[in-house]
C-alpha cells in the first residue's frame, strides 16, 4: 500500500527525496514552474512539489470566466425571448424618459435600484398611479440598463404572462409551463407590467402569482411591478385579499418592495388636451389656459 502511495505521489509531482528537484519548464510559456514544500502524508517530512504555472492558472480562470459569460448570455437570451413587445421596450431609456411633475420620486427609486442592484438583493419596486404616466417607460429604461450590464431581465405584462401560461395547456404550444415559470423565477430581475390589471382573477391565476412572488422571495431576487391602482385601492383591505383570502401574497409584495405613488398625470391625455387647447403640455398640466376653455 505504501509503495502504491509513493507512486501516486511521484506521479502527482512530489519529489522522492528531501533535495530540491531540478526545475520543470512550462510547456505553454517556457518559464520554470514554481516549487513549494508540502508535508509528506506518510513519512511526516517536507517534500518539494512543482506547482501549476501562473499562466496555466490564468488560462483556466479565463476559460471559467468565458463559460460563465456564455451561460449568462444563454440566460439573458432566454429572458429576452420571454419578454413582451421587445421592439418597443428596447427603445425605452433614461435618456428619452422625461421627468414630469409627480414622477421624480419614482425616477430616483428606479435609478437607485439600478445603481445598487446587487446590494438590494430581493428588494424590488412597486410603482402605482394613473395609466399613461410613464411607469412602464421608467421600469423598462432601468431594465435595459441592467441588460447592458449583463443581467438577465424579463419584462412582461400581466395579460401576456397569464395568456402564455394558459396556452401551455395546448400540447402543441411551443413553450412549456415549466419553461415560462422557470424563466420568471430564474431571471435576475422580473419587471411585471400592469400588475393586478385583471378585473377578476381565476384560482389558477392567483396560484401563478403566488408561485412567482414566493419563489423570487426565496431566491432573493427582486420584482419591479407597475400598477394602475389608486392610492385608495392601495390602502384598502379589498386589494389585500384580491390575490388570496388570507392576504399573504399582498403582504409579501409590500414587504419586499419599495412602494412609490407616481403622481404624474396621464401623458397621452395631457398631450391630446394641450393640442386641442393650443397650449403646451406643461401649461395644461399646470392648469394654465383652463379659464379660457370653460
Protein backbone atom coordinates (compact mmCIF):
# COMPACT_ATOMS: atom_id res chain seq x y z
CA UNK A 1 0.00 0.00 0.00
CA UNK A 2 2.83 2.42 0.89
CA UNK A 3 4.62 1.65 -2.37
CA UNK A 4 1.45 2.39 -4.33
CA UNK A 5 1.01 5.65 -2.42
CA UNK A 6 4.59 6.64 -3.21
CA UNK A 7 3.94 6.03 -6.90
CA UNK A 8 0.79 8.14 -6.81
CA UNK A 9 2.63 10.99 -5.05
CA UNK A 10 5.50 10.76 -7.52
CA UNK A 11 3.10 10.96 -10.50
CA UNK A 12 1.48 13.95 -8.82
CA UNK A 13 4.84 15.76 -8.86
CA UNK A 14 6.20 15.16 -5.34
CA UNK A 15 9.99 14.61 -5.16
CA UNK A 16 11.20 11.25 -3.90
CA UNK A 17 13.91 12.81 -1.72
CA UNK A 18 14.47 15.79 0.57
CA UNK A 19 16.53 17.55 -2.09
CA UNK A 20 15.00 20.25 -4.23
CA UNK A 21 14.41 18.81 -7.73
CA UNK A 22 15.51 20.34 -10.99
CA UNK A 23 13.06 22.90 -12.38
CA UNK A 24 10.45 21.96 -14.94
CA UNK A 25 9.64 24.33 -17.78
CA UNK A 26 6.04 25.20 -18.54
CA UNK A 27 5.05 23.84 -21.94
CA UNK A 28 2.94 26.95 -22.52
CA UNK A 29 5.20 29.91 -21.66
CA UNK A 30 8.61 28.15 -21.28
CA UNK A 31 9.28 29.57 -17.81
CA UNK A 32 10.23 27.46 -14.80
CA UNK A 33 7.22 26.27 -12.84
CA UNK A 34 7.18 27.44 -9.21
CA UNK A 35 8.03 24.93 -6.47
CA UNK A 36 6.93 24.68 -2.86
CA UNK A 37 7.24 22.28 0.06
CA UNK A 38 4.38 20.20 1.46
CA UNK A 39 4.14 17.63 4.21
CA UNK A 40 4.56 14.02 3.05
CA UNK A 41 1.37 12.22 4.14
CA UNK A 42 3.22 9.02 5.16
CA UNK A 43 6.77 9.95 6.16
CA UNK A 44 5.83 13.14 8.00
CA UNK A 45 8.60 15.15 6.32
CA UNK A 46 8.62 18.10 3.96
CA UNK A 47 8.98 17.32 0.27
CA UNK A 48 9.22 19.50 -2.81
CA UNK A 49 6.46 19.65 -5.40
CA UNK A 50 6.05 21.51 -8.68
CA UNK A 51 3.11 23.89 -8.80
CA UNK A 52 0.98 24.93 -11.71
CA UNK A 53 2.46 27.75 -13.75
CA UNK A 54 0.75 31.13 -13.27
CA UNK A 55 -0.01 31.19 -16.99
CA UNK A 56 -1.82 27.85 -16.70
CA UNK A 57 -3.84 29.13 -13.76
CA UNK A 58 -4.74 32.26 -15.72
CA UNK A 59 -5.77 30.16 -18.72
CA UNK A 60 -8.07 28.05 -16.57
CA UNK A 61 -9.54 31.15 -14.89
CA UNK A 62 -10.12 32.78 -18.28
CA UNK A 63 -11.81 29.61 -19.52
CA UNK A 64 -14.05 29.57 -16.44
CA UNK A 65 -14.97 33.24 -16.97
CA UNK A 66 -15.74 32.56 -20.64
CA UNK A 67 -18.00 29.66 -19.69
CA UNK A 68 -19.79 31.79 -17.09
CA UNK A 69 -20.21 34.56 -19.68
CA UNK A 70 -21.65 32.09 -22.21
CA UNK A 71 -24.03 30.71 -19.57
CA UNK A 72 -25.14 34.25 -18.74
CA UNK A 73 -25.70 35.06 -22.42
CA UNK A 74 -27.93 31.99 -22.70
CA UNK A 75 -29.80 33.13 -19.59
CA UNK A 76 -30.20 36.66 -20.96
CA UNK A 77 -31.43 35.45 -24.35
CA UNK A 78 -33.89 33.15 -22.59
CA UNK A 79 -35.19 36.10 -20.59
CA UNK A 80 -35.44 38.33 -23.66
CA UNK A 81 -37.34 35.62 -25.52
CA UNK A 82 -39.99 35.60 -22.80
CA UNK A 83 -40.30 39.39 -22.59
CA UNK A 84 -43.32 41.15 -24.09
CA UNK A 85 -43.09 43.55 -27.07
CA UNK A 86 -39.29 43.66 -27.14
CA UNK A 87 -39.04 46.12 -30.04
CA UNK A 88 -40.93 48.78 -28.08
CA UNK A 89 -39.25 48.01 -24.77
CA UNK A 90 -35.67 48.21 -26.03
CA UNK A 91 -36.26 51.77 -27.26
CA UNK A 92 -37.14 52.99 -23.75
CA UNK A 93 -34.13 54.52 -21.97
CA UNK A 94 -33.36 57.03 -19.24
CA UNK A 95 -32.17 59.43 -21.95
CA UNK A 96 -35.58 59.61 -23.63
CA UNK A 97 -37.56 59.47 -20.39
CA UNK A 98 -38.96 62.87 -19.44
CA UNK A 99 -39.19 63.56 -15.70
CA UNK A 100 -42.54 65.28 -15.14
CA UNK A 101 -44.26 66.75 -12.12
CA UNK A 102 -45.04 63.90 -9.77
CA UNK A 103 -42.63 61.34 -11.28
CA UNK A 104 -39.39 62.46 -9.62
CA UNK A 105 -39.62 60.04 -6.69
CA UNK A 106 -40.32 57.07 -8.96
CA UNK A 107 -37.42 58.05 -11.22
CA UNK A 108 -35.00 58.33 -8.30
CA UNK A 109 -36.11 54.96 -6.92
CA UNK A 110 -35.55 53.13 -10.22
CA UNK A 111 -32.25 54.93 -10.72
CA UNK A 112 -31.15 53.80 -7.25
CA UNK A 113 -32.40 50.26 -7.89
CA UNK A 114 -30.19 50.07 -11.00
CA UNK A 115 -27.11 51.61 -9.39
CA UNK A 116 -27.36 49.38 -6.30
CA UNK A 117 -28.85 46.28 -7.89
CA UNK A 118 -26.58 43.68 -6.27
CA UNK A 119 -26.71 45.29 -2.83
CA UNK A 120 -30.52 45.48 -2.81
CA UNK A 121 -30.89 41.73 -3.41
CA UNK A 122 -34.65 40.90 -3.26
CA UNK A 123 -35.76 44.47 -2.57
CA UNK A 124 -37.92 45.42 -5.54
CA UNK A 125 -40.09 48.36 -6.56
CA UNK A 126 -43.87 48.78 -6.78
CA UNK A 127 -44.89 51.89 -8.73
CA UNK A 128 -48.59 52.70 -8.94
CA UNK A 129 -50.53 55.59 -10.39
CA UNK A 130 -52.84 56.54 -13.21
CA UNK A 131 -52.47 54.94 -16.61
CA UNK A 132 -50.15 56.51 -19.18
CA UNK A 133 -47.96 58.43 -16.72
CA UNK A 134 -44.62 56.83 -17.61
CA UNK A 135 -44.41 53.88 -15.20
CA UNK A 136 -43.76 51.33 -17.95
CA UNK A 137 -41.17 53.52 -19.70
CA UNK A 138 -39.32 54.11 -16.45
CA UNK A 139 -39.06 50.45 -15.42
CA UNK A 140 -38.14 49.42 -18.99
CA UNK A 141 -35.37 52.04 -19.01
CA UNK A 142 -33.96 50.61 -15.81
CA UNK A 143 -34.25 47.06 -17.14
CA UNK A 144 -32.47 47.96 -20.38
CA UNK A 145 -29.57 49.47 -18.46
CA UNK A 146 -29.26 46.31 -16.37
CA UNK A 147 -29.31 44.18 -19.55
CA UNK A 148 -26.42 46.27 -20.89
CA UNK A 149 -24.52 45.42 -17.68
CA UNK A 150 -25.01 41.69 -18.23
CA UNK A 151 -28.08 40.96 -16.12
CA UNK A 152 -30.93 38.73 -17.27
CA UNK A 153 -34.15 40.77 -17.24
CA UNK A 154 -37.69 39.73 -18.13
CA UNK A 155 -40.22 42.45 -18.94
CA UNK A 156 -43.73 41.06 -19.21
CA UNK A 157 -47.27 42.37 -18.91
CA UNK A 158 -49.68 40.56 -16.63
CA UNK A 159 -52.05 39.89 -19.52
CA UNK A 160 -49.27 38.37 -21.64
CA UNK A 161 -47.97 36.29 -18.73
CA UNK A 162 -51.38 34.76 -17.96
CA UNK A 163 -52.11 34.19 -21.65
CA UNK A 164 -48.83 32.36 -22.21
CA UNK A 165 -49.18 30.23 -19.09
CA UNK A 166 -52.73 29.37 -20.12
CA UNK A 167 -51.55 28.45 -23.64
CA UNK A 168 -49.22 25.78 -22.25
CA UNK A 169 -52.29 23.58 -21.74
CA UNK A 170 -52.28 23.11 -25.51
CA UNK A 171 -49.86 20.25 -26.18
CA UNK A 172 -48.85 21.88 -29.48
CA UNK A 173 -47.69 25.03 -27.68
CA UNK A 174 -44.02 25.89 -28.26
CA UNK A 175 -43.48 26.98 -24.64
CA UNK A 176 -43.98 24.70 -21.65
CA UNK A 177 -45.34 25.81 -18.28
CA UNK A 178 -42.03 24.88 -16.65
CA UNK A 179 -40.05 26.99 -19.15
CA UNK A 180 -42.13 30.11 -18.55
CA UNK A 181 -42.36 29.72 -14.79
CA UNK A 182 -38.69 28.75 -14.56
CA UNK A 183 -37.61 31.82 -16.51
CA UNK A 184 -39.74 34.09 -14.27
CA UNK A 185 -38.08 32.62 -11.19
CA UNK A 186 -34.54 32.42 -12.60
CA UNK A 187 -34.13 35.88 -14.19
CA UNK A 188 -32.05 38.38 -12.25
CA UNK A 189 -34.93 40.84 -12.49
CA UNK A 190 -38.60 40.37 -13.31
CA UNK A 191 -40.41 43.51 -14.45
CA UNK A 192 -44.15 42.86 -14.07
CA UNK A 193 -46.07 45.50 -16.00
CA UNK A 194 -49.77 46.23 -15.37
CA UNK A 195 -49.76 44.16 -12.20
CA UNK A 196 -53.27 43.48 -10.88
CA UNK A 197 -54.80 44.84 -14.07
CA UNK A 198 -57.28 41.93 -14.28
CA UNK A 199 -60.75 42.80 -13.02
CA UNK A 200 -61.08 39.33 -11.55
CA UNK A 201 -58.60 36.52 -11.06
CA UNK A 202 -59.21 32.84 -11.55
CA UNK A 203 -57.93 30.46 -8.88
CA UNK A 204 -55.08 29.24 -11.07
CA UNK A 205 -54.00 32.82 -11.84
CA UNK A 206 -53.85 33.59 -8.12
CA UNK A 207 -51.74 30.47 -7.70
CA UNK A 208 -49.37 31.54 -10.52
CA UNK A 209 -48.93 34.97 -8.91
CA UNK A 210 -48.14 33.39 -5.54
CA UNK A 211 -45.67 30.94 -7.09
CA UNK A 212 -43.73 33.78 -8.71
CA UNK A 213 -43.86 36.17 -5.74
CA UNK A 214 -42.94 33.46 -3.25
CA UNK A 215 -40.36 31.80 -5.50
CA UNK A 216 -38.45 35.01 -6.16
CA UNK A 217 -38.56 35.92 -2.48
CA UNK A 218 -36.98 32.57 -1.61
CA UNK A 219 -34.37 33.03 -4.35
CA UNK A 220 -33.57 36.53 -3.01
CA UNK A 221 -34.39 38.12 -6.38
CA UNK A 222 -36.37 41.34 -6.98
CA UNK A 223 -39.54 42.20 -8.84
CA UNK A 224 -40.32 45.63 -10.24
CA UNK A 225 -44.07 45.96 -10.66
CA UNK A 226 -46.20 48.71 -12.15
CA UNK A 227 -49.91 49.08 -11.49
CA UNK A 228 -52.78 51.45 -12.26
CA UNK A 229 -54.39 51.06 -8.84
CA UNK A 230 -55.29 54.26 -6.99
CA UNK A 231 -53.95 55.33 -3.58
CA UNK A 232 -57.34 54.45 -2.04
CA UNK A 233 -57.19 50.98 -3.58
CA UNK A 234 -53.60 50.58 -2.44
CA UNK A 235 -54.63 51.14 1.18
CA UNK A 236 -57.86 49.14 1.05
CA UNK A 237 -58.45 45.71 2.57
CA UNK A 238 -60.16 44.70 -0.67
CA UNK A 239 -56.92 44.86 -2.67
CA UNK A 240 -55.06 42.89 0.01
CA UNK A 241 -57.47 39.98 -0.28
CA UNK A 242 -57.91 40.08 -4.04
CA UNK A 243 -54.89 37.83 -4.54
CA UNK A 244 -55.83 35.29 -1.87
CA UNK A 245 -58.28 35.08 1.02
CA UNK A 246 -55.54 35.49 3.65
CA UNK A 247 -53.71 38.41 2.08
CA UNK A 248 -50.37 36.58 2.22
CA UNK A 249 -49.39 37.43 -1.38
CA UNK A 250 -50.12 41.13 -0.97
CA UNK A 251 -48.13 41.41 2.24
CA UNK A 252 -45.20 39.62 0.64
CA UNK A 253 -45.31 42.23 -2.11
CA UNK A 254 -45.31 45.16 0.32
CA UNK A 255 -42.61 43.54 2.43
CA UNK A 256 -40.22 43.04 -0.49
CA UNK A 257 -40.79 46.24 -2.48
CA UNK A 258 -40.34 49.98 -2.14
CA UNK A 259 -43.84 51.27 -2.90
CA UNK A 260 -43.99 54.55 -4.82
CA UNK A 261 -47.06 56.53 -5.88
CA UNK A 262 -46.32 58.14 -9.26
CA UNK A 263 -48.34 61.36 -9.13
CA UNK A 264 -47.69 62.34 -12.75
CA UNK A 265 -50.75 62.76 -14.98
CA UNK A 266 -51.65 60.64 -17.98
CA UNK A 267 -49.18 61.92 -20.59
CA UNK A 268 -51.26 60.83 -23.58
CA UNK A 269 -54.30 62.66 -22.21
CA UNK A 270 -52.24 65.76 -21.41
CA UNK A 271 -50.74 65.76 -24.89
CA UNK A 272 -54.12 65.44 -26.60
CA UNK A 273 -55.79 68.10 -24.43
CA UNK A 274 -52.90 70.53 -24.80
CA UNK A 275 -53.02 70.17 -28.58
CA UNK A 276 -56.79 70.73 -28.59
CA UNK A 277 -56.43 73.83 -26.41
CA UNK A 278 -53.45 75.22 -28.34
CA UNK A 279 -51.14 75.27 -25.31
CA UNK A 280 -48.09 73.33 -24.20
CA UNK A 281 -48.32 70.11 -22.20
CA UNK A 282 -46.65 71.84 -19.26
CA UNK A 283 -49.25 74.64 -19.38
CA UNK A 284 -52.09 72.14 -19.47
CA UNK A 285 -50.73 70.11 -16.55
CA UNK A 286 -50.19 73.29 -14.56
CA UNK A 287 -53.81 74.31 -15.16
CA UNK A 288 -52.96 77.27 -17.37
CA UNK A 289 -55.49 78.16 -20.04
CA UNK A 290 -58.31 76.38 -18.23
CA UNK A 291 -60.25 79.61 -17.66
CA UNK A 292 -60.23 80.34 -21.38
CA UNK A 293 -61.72 76.97 -22.27
CA UNK A 294 -64.54 76.56 -19.78
